[in-house]
Amino acid sequence: MINRVVLVGRLTRDPELKTTQSGLSVATFTLAVNRQYTNAQGERGADFISCVIWRKAAENFCNFTSKGSLVGIDGRIQTRTYDDKNGQKVYVTEVVVDNFSLLESKKDRQNNANMGNNGGYNNNGNNSTSNNRNAQQDPFSGSGDTIDITDDDLPF
């Protein structure tokens, strides 16, 4: 059986680092992951996914990320239950993170923070700073020339 999750998204808040009674570090955070498609109004929805990371990886994650950080995570889905203060059973589904990657530099993260609450995203969900950078570097923009590619040129 396979239980594997790979996600790329932005942190909705700073991760919370705690220590268990046995001395293990554990951090929890929520990852906002854009949906693939837009709705009828052209807006892109997002899923907000609860995640947990353990031990030294949790400490490192908290040291190098903050609200708005773009991260990639690799892990597995876990479900658990507990009884709350009122005796009600609470069901929790979360991603237990095995590995993570920081997907933007500290400079880019600071630039996104300076752009305001939208984290550098415009209404269609694309990062406006990277779009502007890519548009300036696109060697084919505005040339009007067609590109002649044969099947022999393709690697697949």
N, C-alpha and C. Protein backbone atom coordinates (compact mmCIF):
# COMPACT_ATOMS: atom_id res chain seq x y z
N MET A 1 0.84 -1.18 0.00
CA MET A 1 0.00 0.00 0.00
C MET A 1 0.88 1.24 0.00
N ILE A 2 0.34 2.32 -0.53
CA ILE A 2 1.12 3.55 -0.65
C ILE A 2 0.38 4.68 0.06
N ASN A 3 1.10 5.41 0.88
CA ASN A 3 0.58 6.60 1.54
C ASN A 3 1.68 7.65 1.42
N ARG A 4 1.66 8.42 0.35
CA ARG A 4 2.70 9.40 0.06
C ARG A 4 2.06 10.71 -0.35
N VAL A 5 2.59 11.81 0.14
CA VAL A 5 2.06 13.14 -0.16
C VAL A 5 3.23 14.05 -0.52
N VAL A 6 3.08 14.79 -1.61
CA VAL A 6 4.04 15.82 -1.98
C VAL A 6 3.24 17.09 -2.23
N LEU A 7 3.58 18.16 -1.51
CA LEU A 7 2.85 19.42 -1.61
C LEU A 7 3.81 20.59 -1.77
N VAL A 8 3.36 21.61 -2.47
CA VAL A 8 4.07 22.88 -2.56
C VAL A 8 3.06 23.97 -2.24
N GLY A 9 3.41 24.81 -1.28
CA GLY A 9 2.50 25.88 -0.90
C GLY A 9 3.18 26.88 0.01
N ARG A 10 2.37 27.80 0.53
CA ARG A 10 2.88 28.85 1.42
C ARG A 10 2.31 28.66 2.82
N LEU A 11 3.13 28.98 3.80
CA LEU A 11 2.69 28.88 5.19
C LEU A 11 1.67 29.98 5.48
N THR A 12 0.57 29.61 6.13
CA THR A 12 -0.47 30.59 6.44
C THR A 12 -0.15 31.38 7.71
N ARG A 13 0.76 30.86 8.53
CA ARG A 13 1.20 31.52 9.76
C ARG A 13 2.56 30.94 10.13
N ASP A 14 3.22 31.54 11.10
CA ASP A 14 4.49 31.00 11.57
C ASP A 14 4.25 29.61 12.17
N PRO A 15 5.16 28.67 11.92
CA PRO A 15 4.99 27.34 12.52
C PRO A 15 5.11 27.42 14.05
N GLU A 16 4.36 26.54 14.74
CA GLU A 16 4.38 26.50 16.21
C GLU A 16 5.26 25.34 16.65
N LEU A 17 6.32 25.64 17.37
CA LEU A 17 7.25 24.63 17.87
C LEU A 17 6.94 24.34 19.33
N LYS A 18 6.78 23.06 19.66
CA LYS A 18 6.54 22.62 21.03
C LYS A 18 7.47 21.46 21.33
N THR A 19 7.57 21.12 22.60
CA THR A 19 8.37 19.98 23.04
C THR A 19 7.45 19.03 23.81
N THR A 20 7.50 17.75 23.48
CA THR A 20 6.68 16.76 24.17
C THR A 20 7.26 16.51 25.56
N GLN A 21 6.51 15.77 26.41
CA GLN A 21 6.99 15.43 27.75
C GLN A 21 8.26 14.60 27.69
N SER A 22 8.43 13.84 26.61
CA SER A 22 9.63 13.01 26.47
C SER A 22 10.79 13.77 25.83
N GLY A 23 10.60 15.06 25.53
CA GLY A 23 11.69 15.89 25.03
C GLY A 23 11.80 15.98 23.52
N LEU A 24 10.83 15.43 22.78
CA LEU A 24 10.87 15.51 21.31
C LEU A 24 10.30 16.85 20.85
N SER A 25 10.95 17.44 19.85
CA SER A 25 10.44 18.67 19.24
C SER A 25 9.39 18.31 18.21
N VAL A 26 8.31 19.09 18.17
CA VAL A 26 7.25 18.90 17.19
C VAL A 26 6.73 20.28 16.78
N ALA A 27 6.55 20.46 15.49
CA ALA A 27 6.03 21.73 14.98
C ALA A 27 4.79 21.45 14.15
N THR A 28 3.82 22.34 14.26
CA THR A 28 2.62 22.26 13.45
C THR A 28 2.51 23.52 12.61
N PHE A 29 1.93 23.37 11.42
CA PHE A 29 1.74 24.51 10.54
C PHE A 29 0.65 24.17 9.53
N THR A 30 0.15 25.19 8.89
CA THR A 30 -0.85 25.02 7.84
C THR A 30 -0.26 25.51 6.53
N LEU A 31 -0.42 24.69 5.50
CA LEU A 31 0.11 25.00 4.18
C LEU A 31 -1.06 25.34 3.25
N ALA A 32 -1.00 26.50 2.62
CA ALA A 32 -2.00 26.91 1.63
C ALA A 32 -1.50 26.47 0.25
N VAL A 33 -2.27 25.61 -0.40
CA VAL A 33 -1.89 25.06 -1.69
C VAL A 33 -2.94 25.49 -2.72
N ASN A 34 -2.51 26.23 -3.75
CA ASN A 34 -3.44 26.68 -4.78
C ASN A 34 -4.03 25.50 -5.53
N ARG A 35 -5.31 25.62 -5.88
CA ARG A 35 -5.95 24.61 -6.70
C ARG A 35 -5.55 24.81 -8.15
N GLN A 36 -5.68 23.77 -8.93
CA GLN A 36 -5.22 23.77 -10.32
C GLN A 36 -6.09 24.68 -11.21
N TYR A 37 -7.39 24.74 -10.92
CA TYR A 37 -8.31 25.43 -11.83
C TYR A 37 -8.95 26.63 -11.16
N THR A 38 -9.44 27.56 -11.98
CA THR A 38 -10.14 28.73 -11.48
C THR A 38 -11.63 28.50 -11.51
N ASN A 39 -12.37 29.27 -10.71
CA ASN A 39 -13.83 29.17 -10.71
C ASN A 39 -14.40 30.05 -11.82
N ALA A 40 -15.71 30.19 -11.86
CA ALA A 40 -16.37 30.94 -12.93
C ALA A 40 -15.98 32.42 -12.93
N GLN A 41 -15.58 32.94 -11.76
CA GLN A 41 -15.18 34.35 -11.67
C GLN A 41 -13.68 34.53 -11.97
N GLY A 42 -12.99 33.45 -12.32
CA GLY A 42 -11.57 33.53 -12.64
C GLY A 42 -10.67 33.51 -11.42
N GLU A 43 -11.23 33.20 -10.25
CA GLU A 43 -10.44 33.17 -9.02
C GLU A 43 -9.95 31.75 -8.75
N ARG A 44 -8.75 31.66 -8.25
CA ARG A 44 -8.15 30.36 -7.93
C ARG A 44 -8.35 30.09 -6.45
N GLY A 45 -8.96 28.97 -6.13
CA GLY A 45 -9.14 28.58 -4.74
C GLY A 45 -7.88 27.97 -4.18
N ALA A 46 -7.91 27.71 -2.89
CA ALA A 46 -6.75 27.08 -2.23
C ALA A 46 -7.27 26.09 -1.19
N ASP A 47 -6.46 25.09 -0.93
CA ASP A 47 -6.72 24.15 0.15
C ASP A 47 -5.76 24.48 1.27
N PHE A 48 -6.24 24.39 2.51
CA PHE A 48 -5.43 24.69 3.68
C PHE A 48 -5.21 23.38 4.42
N ILE A 49 -3.98 22.90 4.38
CA ILE A 49 -3.66 21.55 4.82
C ILE A 49 -2.82 21.58 6.09
N SER A 50 -3.31 20.91 7.12
CA SER A 50 -2.61 20.83 8.40
C SER A 50 -1.44 19.86 8.29
N CYS A 51 -0.28 20.28 8.83
CA CYS A 51 0.93 19.48 8.74
C CYS A 51 1.61 19.44 10.11
N VAL A 52 2.37 18.37 10.33
CA VAL A 52 3.15 18.22 11.56
C VAL A 52 4.52 17.66 11.18
N ILE A 53 5.57 18.17 11.84
CA ILE A 53 6.94 17.72 11.58
C ILE A 53 7.62 17.51 12.93
N TRP A 54 8.48 16.51 13.02
CA TRP A 54 9.05 16.07 14.29
C TRP A 54 10.56 16.23 14.35
N ARG A 55 11.08 16.21 15.58
CA ARG A 55 12.51 16.13 15.94
C ARG A 55 13.32 17.32 15.42
N LYS A 56 14.54 17.07 15.02
CA LYS A 56 15.45 18.14 14.57
C LYS A 56 14.91 18.84 13.32
N ALA A 57 14.22 18.08 12.46
CA ALA A 57 13.62 18.69 11.27
C ALA A 57 12.61 19.77 11.66
N ALA A 58 11.88 19.55 12.76
CA ALA A 58 10.91 20.55 13.24
C ALA A 58 11.63 21.82 13.67
N GLU A 59 12.74 21.67 14.37
CA GLU A 59 13.51 22.84 14.80
C GLU A 59 14.06 23.61 13.61
N ASN A 60 14.63 22.88 12.65
CA ASN A 60 15.16 23.53 11.45
C ASN A 60 14.06 24.23 10.66
N PHE A 61 12.91 23.57 10.53
CA PHE A 61 11.79 24.15 9.79
C PHE A 61 11.38 25.48 10.42
N CYS A 62 11.29 25.51 11.74
CA CYS A 62 10.88 26.74 12.43
C CYS A 62 11.95 27.83 12.34
N ASN A 63 13.22 27.43 12.30
CA ASN A 63 14.30 28.42 12.21
C ASN A 63 14.36 29.10 10.84
N PHE A 64 13.96 28.40 9.79
CA PHE A 64 14.15 28.91 8.43
C PHE A 64 12.87 29.30 7.70
N THR A 65 11.71 29.16 8.34
CA THR A 65 10.46 29.53 7.68
C THR A 65 9.65 30.47 8.56
N SER A 66 8.72 31.14 7.94
CA SER A 66 7.78 32.02 8.64
C SER A 66 6.54 32.16 7.76
N LYS A 67 5.57 32.89 8.26
CA LYS A 67 4.34 33.10 7.51
C LYS A 67 4.67 33.58 6.10
N GLY A 68 4.07 32.92 5.10
CA GLY A 68 4.27 33.30 3.71
C GLY A 68 5.39 32.57 3.00
N SER A 69 6.21 31.80 3.74
CA SER A 69 7.32 31.08 3.11
C SER A 69 6.80 30.04 2.13
N LEU A 70 7.46 29.96 0.97
CA LEU A 70 7.12 28.95 -0.03
C LEU A 70 7.96 27.71 0.24
N VAL A 71 7.28 26.60 0.53
CA VAL A 71 7.98 25.36 0.87
C VAL A 71 7.40 24.18 0.11
N GLY A 72 8.22 23.18 -0.07
CA GLY A 72 7.79 21.90 -0.59
C GLY A 72 7.94 20.88 0.52
N ILE A 73 6.94 20.01 0.67
CA ILE A 73 7.02 18.99 1.70
C ILE A 73 6.75 17.62 1.10
N ASP A 74 7.30 16.62 1.75
CA ASP A 74 7.13 15.23 1.37
C ASP A 74 6.79 14.48 2.65
N GLY A 75 5.70 13.71 2.62
CA GLY A 75 5.31 13.00 3.84
C GLY A 75 4.20 12.01 3.58
N ARG A 76 3.39 11.80 4.63
CA ARG A 76 2.29 10.85 4.55
C ARG A 76 1.08 11.40 5.29
N ILE A 77 -0.10 10.94 4.91
CA ILE A 77 -1.33 11.35 5.59
C ILE A 77 -1.54 10.47 6.81
N GLN A 78 -1.92 11.11 7.91
CA GLN A 78 -2.20 10.38 9.14
C GLN A 78 -3.53 10.85 9.70
N THR A 79 -4.32 9.94 10.21
CA THR A 79 -5.56 10.29 10.88
C THR A 79 -5.46 9.83 12.32
N ARG A 80 -6.07 10.61 13.21
CA ARG A 80 -6.08 10.27 14.64
C ARG A 80 -7.33 10.87 15.26
N THR A 81 -7.65 10.39 16.45
CA THR A 81 -8.80 10.91 17.18
C THR A 81 -8.39 11.17 18.63
N TYR A 82 -9.12 12.09 19.26
CA TYR A 82 -8.97 12.34 20.68
C TYR A 82 -10.28 12.91 21.20
N ASP A 83 -10.45 12.88 22.52
CA ASP A 83 -11.64 13.45 23.15
C ASP A 83 -11.30 14.85 23.65
N ASP A 84 -12.14 15.83 23.27
CA ASP A 84 -11.89 17.21 23.71
C ASP A 84 -12.36 17.41 25.15
N LYS A 85 -12.33 18.65 25.62
CA LYS A 85 -12.69 18.98 27.01
C LYS A 85 -14.13 18.62 27.34
N ASN A 86 -14.99 18.65 26.32
CA ASN A 86 -16.41 18.35 26.51
C ASN A 86 -16.73 16.87 26.32
N GLY A 87 -15.71 16.05 26.11
CA GLY A 87 -15.93 14.62 25.92
C GLY A 87 -16.32 14.25 24.49
N GLN A 88 -16.28 15.22 23.58
CA GLN A 88 -16.62 14.96 22.18
C GLN A 88 -15.40 14.38 21.46
N LYS A 89 -15.64 13.39 20.61
CA LYS A 89 -14.55 12.80 19.84
C LYS A 89 -14.20 13.73 18.68
N VAL A 90 -12.91 14.05 18.55
CA VAL A 90 -12.41 14.94 17.50
C VAL A 90 -11.55 14.11 16.55
N TYR A 91 -11.84 14.21 15.25
CA TYR A 91 -11.08 13.51 14.22
C TYR A 91 -10.12 14.50 13.56
N VAL A 92 -8.86 14.09 13.42
CA VAL A 92 -7.84 14.95 12.84
C VAL A 92 -7.18 14.21 11.68
N THR A 93 -7.08 14.90 10.54
CA THR A 93 -6.32 14.39 9.40
C THR A 93 -5.22 15.40 9.12
N GLU A 94 -3.98 14.92 9.04
CA GLU A 94 -2.85 15.82 8.84
C GLU A 94 -1.77 15.12 8.04
N VAL A 95 -0.86 15.91 7.51
CA VAL A 95 0.30 15.37 6.80
C VAL A 95 1.46 15.33 7.78
N VAL A 96 2.05 14.16 7.95
CA VAL A 96 3.27 14.02 8.76
C VAL A 96 4.44 14.19 7.80
N VAL A 97 5.21 15.25 8.00
CA VAL A 97 6.27 15.63 7.07
C VAL A 97 7.53 14.82 7.35
N ASP A 98 8.06 14.19 6.30
CA ASP A 98 9.34 13.49 6.39
C ASP A 98 10.49 14.39 5.94
N ASN A 99 10.28 15.13 4.86
CA ASN A 99 11.31 16.01 4.28
C ASN A 99 10.66 17.32 3.85
N PHE A 100 11.46 18.38 3.85
CA PHE A 100 10.96 19.66 3.35
C PHE A 100 12.06 20.35 2.56
N SER A 101 11.63 21.25 1.67
CA SER A 101 12.56 22.06 0.89
C SER A 101 12.10 23.51 0.92
N LEU A 102 13.05 24.41 1.09
CA LEU A 102 12.76 25.84 1.00
C LEU A 102 12.83 26.21 -0.47
N LEU A 103 11.77 26.79 -1.01
CA LEU A 103 11.66 27.00 -2.45
C LEU A 103 11.85 28.44 -2.90
N GLU A 104 12.29 29.29 -2.00
CA GLU A 104 12.63 30.66 -2.38
C GLU A 104 13.73 31.15 -1.46
N SER A 105 14.49 32.08 -1.97
CA SER A 105 15.58 32.63 -1.17
C SER A 105 15.03 33.56 -0.09
N LYS A 106 15.86 33.86 0.87
CA LYS A 106 15.46 34.78 1.93
C LYS A 106 15.13 36.15 1.34
N LYS A 107 15.89 36.56 0.33
CA LYS A 107 15.65 37.85 -0.34
C LYS A 107 14.27 37.87 -1.01
N ASP A 108 13.91 36.79 -1.73
CA ASP A 108 12.60 36.72 -2.38
C ASP A 108 11.49 36.73 -1.34
N ARG A 109 11.71 36.04 -0.22
CA ARG A 109 10.71 35.98 0.84
C ARG A 109 10.50 37.37 1.42
N GLN A 110 11.58 38.13 1.62
CA GLN A 110 11.46 39.48 2.14
C GLN A 110 10.76 40.39 1.14
N ASN A 111 11.05 40.22 -0.16
CA ASN A 111 10.38 41.01 -1.20
C ASN A 111 8.89 40.74 -1.19
N ASN A 112 8.49 39.47 -1.03
CA ASN A 112 7.07 39.12 -0.97
C ASN A 112 6.42 39.73 0.25
N ALA A 113 7.12 39.74 1.38
CA ALA A 113 6.57 40.34 2.61
C ALA A 113 6.38 41.84 2.43
N ASN A 114 7.28 42.50 1.71
CA ASN A 114 7.18 43.94 1.49
C ASN A 114 6.06 44.31 0.53
N MET A 115 5.57 43.33 -0.25
CA MET A 115 4.53 43.62 -1.23
C MET A 115 3.14 43.68 -0.60
N GLY A 116 3.03 43.36 0.69
CA GLY A 116 1.74 43.45 1.37
C GLY A 116 1.17 42.09 1.70
N ASN A 117 -0.09 42.08 2.07
CA ASN A 117 -0.74 40.86 2.56
C ASN A 117 -0.93 39.80 1.50
N ASN A 118 -0.92 40.16 0.22
CA ASN A 118 -1.18 39.17 -0.81
C ASN A 118 0.03 38.33 -1.13
N GLY A 119 1.17 38.56 -0.49
CA GLY A 119 2.35 37.73 -0.67
C GLY A 119 2.89 37.73 -2.09
N GLY A 120 2.62 38.79 -2.85
CA GLY A 120 3.15 38.86 -4.20
C GLY A 120 2.29 38.17 -5.23
N TYR A 121 1.10 37.75 -4.85
CA TYR A 121 0.22 37.06 -5.79
C TYR A 121 -0.79 38.04 -6.36
N ASN A 122 -1.03 37.92 -7.65
CA ASN A 122 -2.10 38.71 -8.23
C ASN A 122 -3.37 37.87 -8.27
N ASN A 123 -4.44 38.37 -8.80
CA ASN A 123 -5.73 37.68 -8.73
C ASN A 123 -5.76 36.33 -9.39
N ASN A 124 -4.95 36.08 -10.39
CA ASN A 124 -5.01 34.77 -11.03
C ASN A 124 -4.07 33.77 -10.39
N GLY A 125 -3.49 34.09 -9.22
CA GLY A 125 -2.72 33.13 -8.45
C GLY A 125 -1.27 32.99 -8.88
N ASN A 126 -0.81 33.79 -9.82
CA ASN A 126 0.59 33.71 -10.24
C ASN A 126 1.42 34.71 -9.45
N ASN A 127 2.65 34.39 -9.19
CA ASN A 127 3.54 35.28 -8.48
C ASN A 127 3.94 36.40 -9.42
N SER A 128 3.51 37.63 -9.08
CA SER A 128 3.72 38.74 -10.01
C SER A 128 5.19 39.09 -10.15
N THR A 129 5.99 38.93 -9.08
CA THR A 129 7.40 39.28 -9.21
C THR A 129 8.13 38.33 -10.13
N SER A 130 7.81 37.04 -10.05
CA SER A 130 8.50 36.10 -10.93
C SER A 130 8.00 36.23 -12.36
N ASN A 131 6.73 36.60 -12.55
CA ASN A 131 6.22 36.79 -13.91
C ASN A 131 6.93 37.94 -14.60
N ASN A 132 7.15 39.05 -13.88
CA ASN A 132 7.84 40.19 -14.47
C ASN A 132 9.27 39.82 -14.82
N ARG A 133 9.93 39.08 -13.94
CA ARG A 133 11.30 38.68 -14.18
C ARG A 133 11.37 37.76 -15.40
N ASN A 134 10.44 36.81 -15.51
CA ASN A 134 10.45 35.89 -16.64
C ASN A 134 10.13 36.59 -17.96
N ALA A 135 9.24 37.59 -17.90
CA ALA A 135 8.88 38.30 -19.12
C ALA A 135 10.08 39.06 -19.68
N GLN A 136 10.93 39.60 -18.82
CA GLN A 136 12.10 40.34 -19.28
C GLN A 136 13.15 39.41 -19.86
N GLN A 137 13.20 38.16 -19.41
CA GLN A 137 14.22 37.23 -19.85
C GLN A 137 13.76 36.32 -20.97
N ASP A 138 12.52 36.41 -21.38
CA ASP A 138 11.99 35.51 -22.41
C ASP A 138 12.58 35.87 -23.76
N PRO A 139 13.43 35.01 -24.34
CA PRO A 139 14.08 35.34 -25.61
C PRO A 139 13.13 35.26 -26.80
N PHE A 140 11.94 34.68 -26.64
CA PHE A 140 11.02 34.51 -27.75
C PHE A 140 9.87 35.52 -27.73
N SER A 141 9.80 36.36 -26.71
CA SER A 141 8.68 37.28 -26.62
C SER A 141 8.78 38.35 -27.71
N GLY A 142 7.68 38.55 -28.41
CA GLY A 142 7.60 39.60 -29.40
C GLY A 142 8.38 39.36 -30.68
N SER A 143 8.97 38.20 -30.86
CA SER A 143 9.77 38.00 -32.06
C SER A 143 8.88 37.72 -33.27
N GLY A 144 7.74 37.09 -33.05
CA GLY A 144 6.83 36.79 -34.15
C GLY A 144 7.31 35.66 -35.05
N ASP A 145 8.50 35.15 -34.82
CA ASP A 145 9.04 34.07 -35.63
C ASP A 145 8.49 32.73 -35.16
N THR A 146 8.27 31.84 -36.10
CA THR A 146 7.87 30.49 -35.74
C THR A 146 9.13 29.66 -35.49
N ILE A 147 8.98 28.65 -34.68
CA ILE A 147 10.11 27.78 -34.35
C ILE A 147 9.90 26.46 -35.08
N ASP A 148 10.89 26.07 -35.84
CA ASP A 148 10.82 24.83 -36.60
C ASP A 148 11.45 23.71 -35.79
N ILE A 149 10.61 22.79 -35.30
CA ILE A 149 11.10 21.66 -34.50
C ILE A 149 10.62 20.38 -35.16
N THR A 150 11.54 19.47 -35.37
CA THR A 150 11.17 18.16 -35.92
C THR A 150 11.06 17.16 -34.78
N ASP A 151 10.46 16.03 -35.07
CA ASP A 151 10.33 14.98 -34.07
C ASP A 151 11.70 14.49 -33.58
N ASP A 152 12.71 14.59 -34.40
CA ASP A 152 14.06 14.16 -34.01
C ASP A 152 14.68 15.07 -32.95
N ASP A 153 14.17 16.33 -32.86
CA ASP A 153 14.70 17.28 -31.88
C ASP A 153 14.14 17.03 -30.49
N LEU A 154 13.03 16.32 -30.38
CA LEU A 154 12.38 16.13 -29.08
C LEU A 154 13.01 14.96 -28.33
N PRO A 155 13.20 15.11 -27.03
CA PRO A 155 13.85 14.05 -26.25
C PRO A 155 12.92 12.90 -25.86
N PHE A 156 11.68 12.94 -26.26
CA PHE A 156 10.75 11.88 -25.87
C PHE A 156 10.00 11.32 -27.05
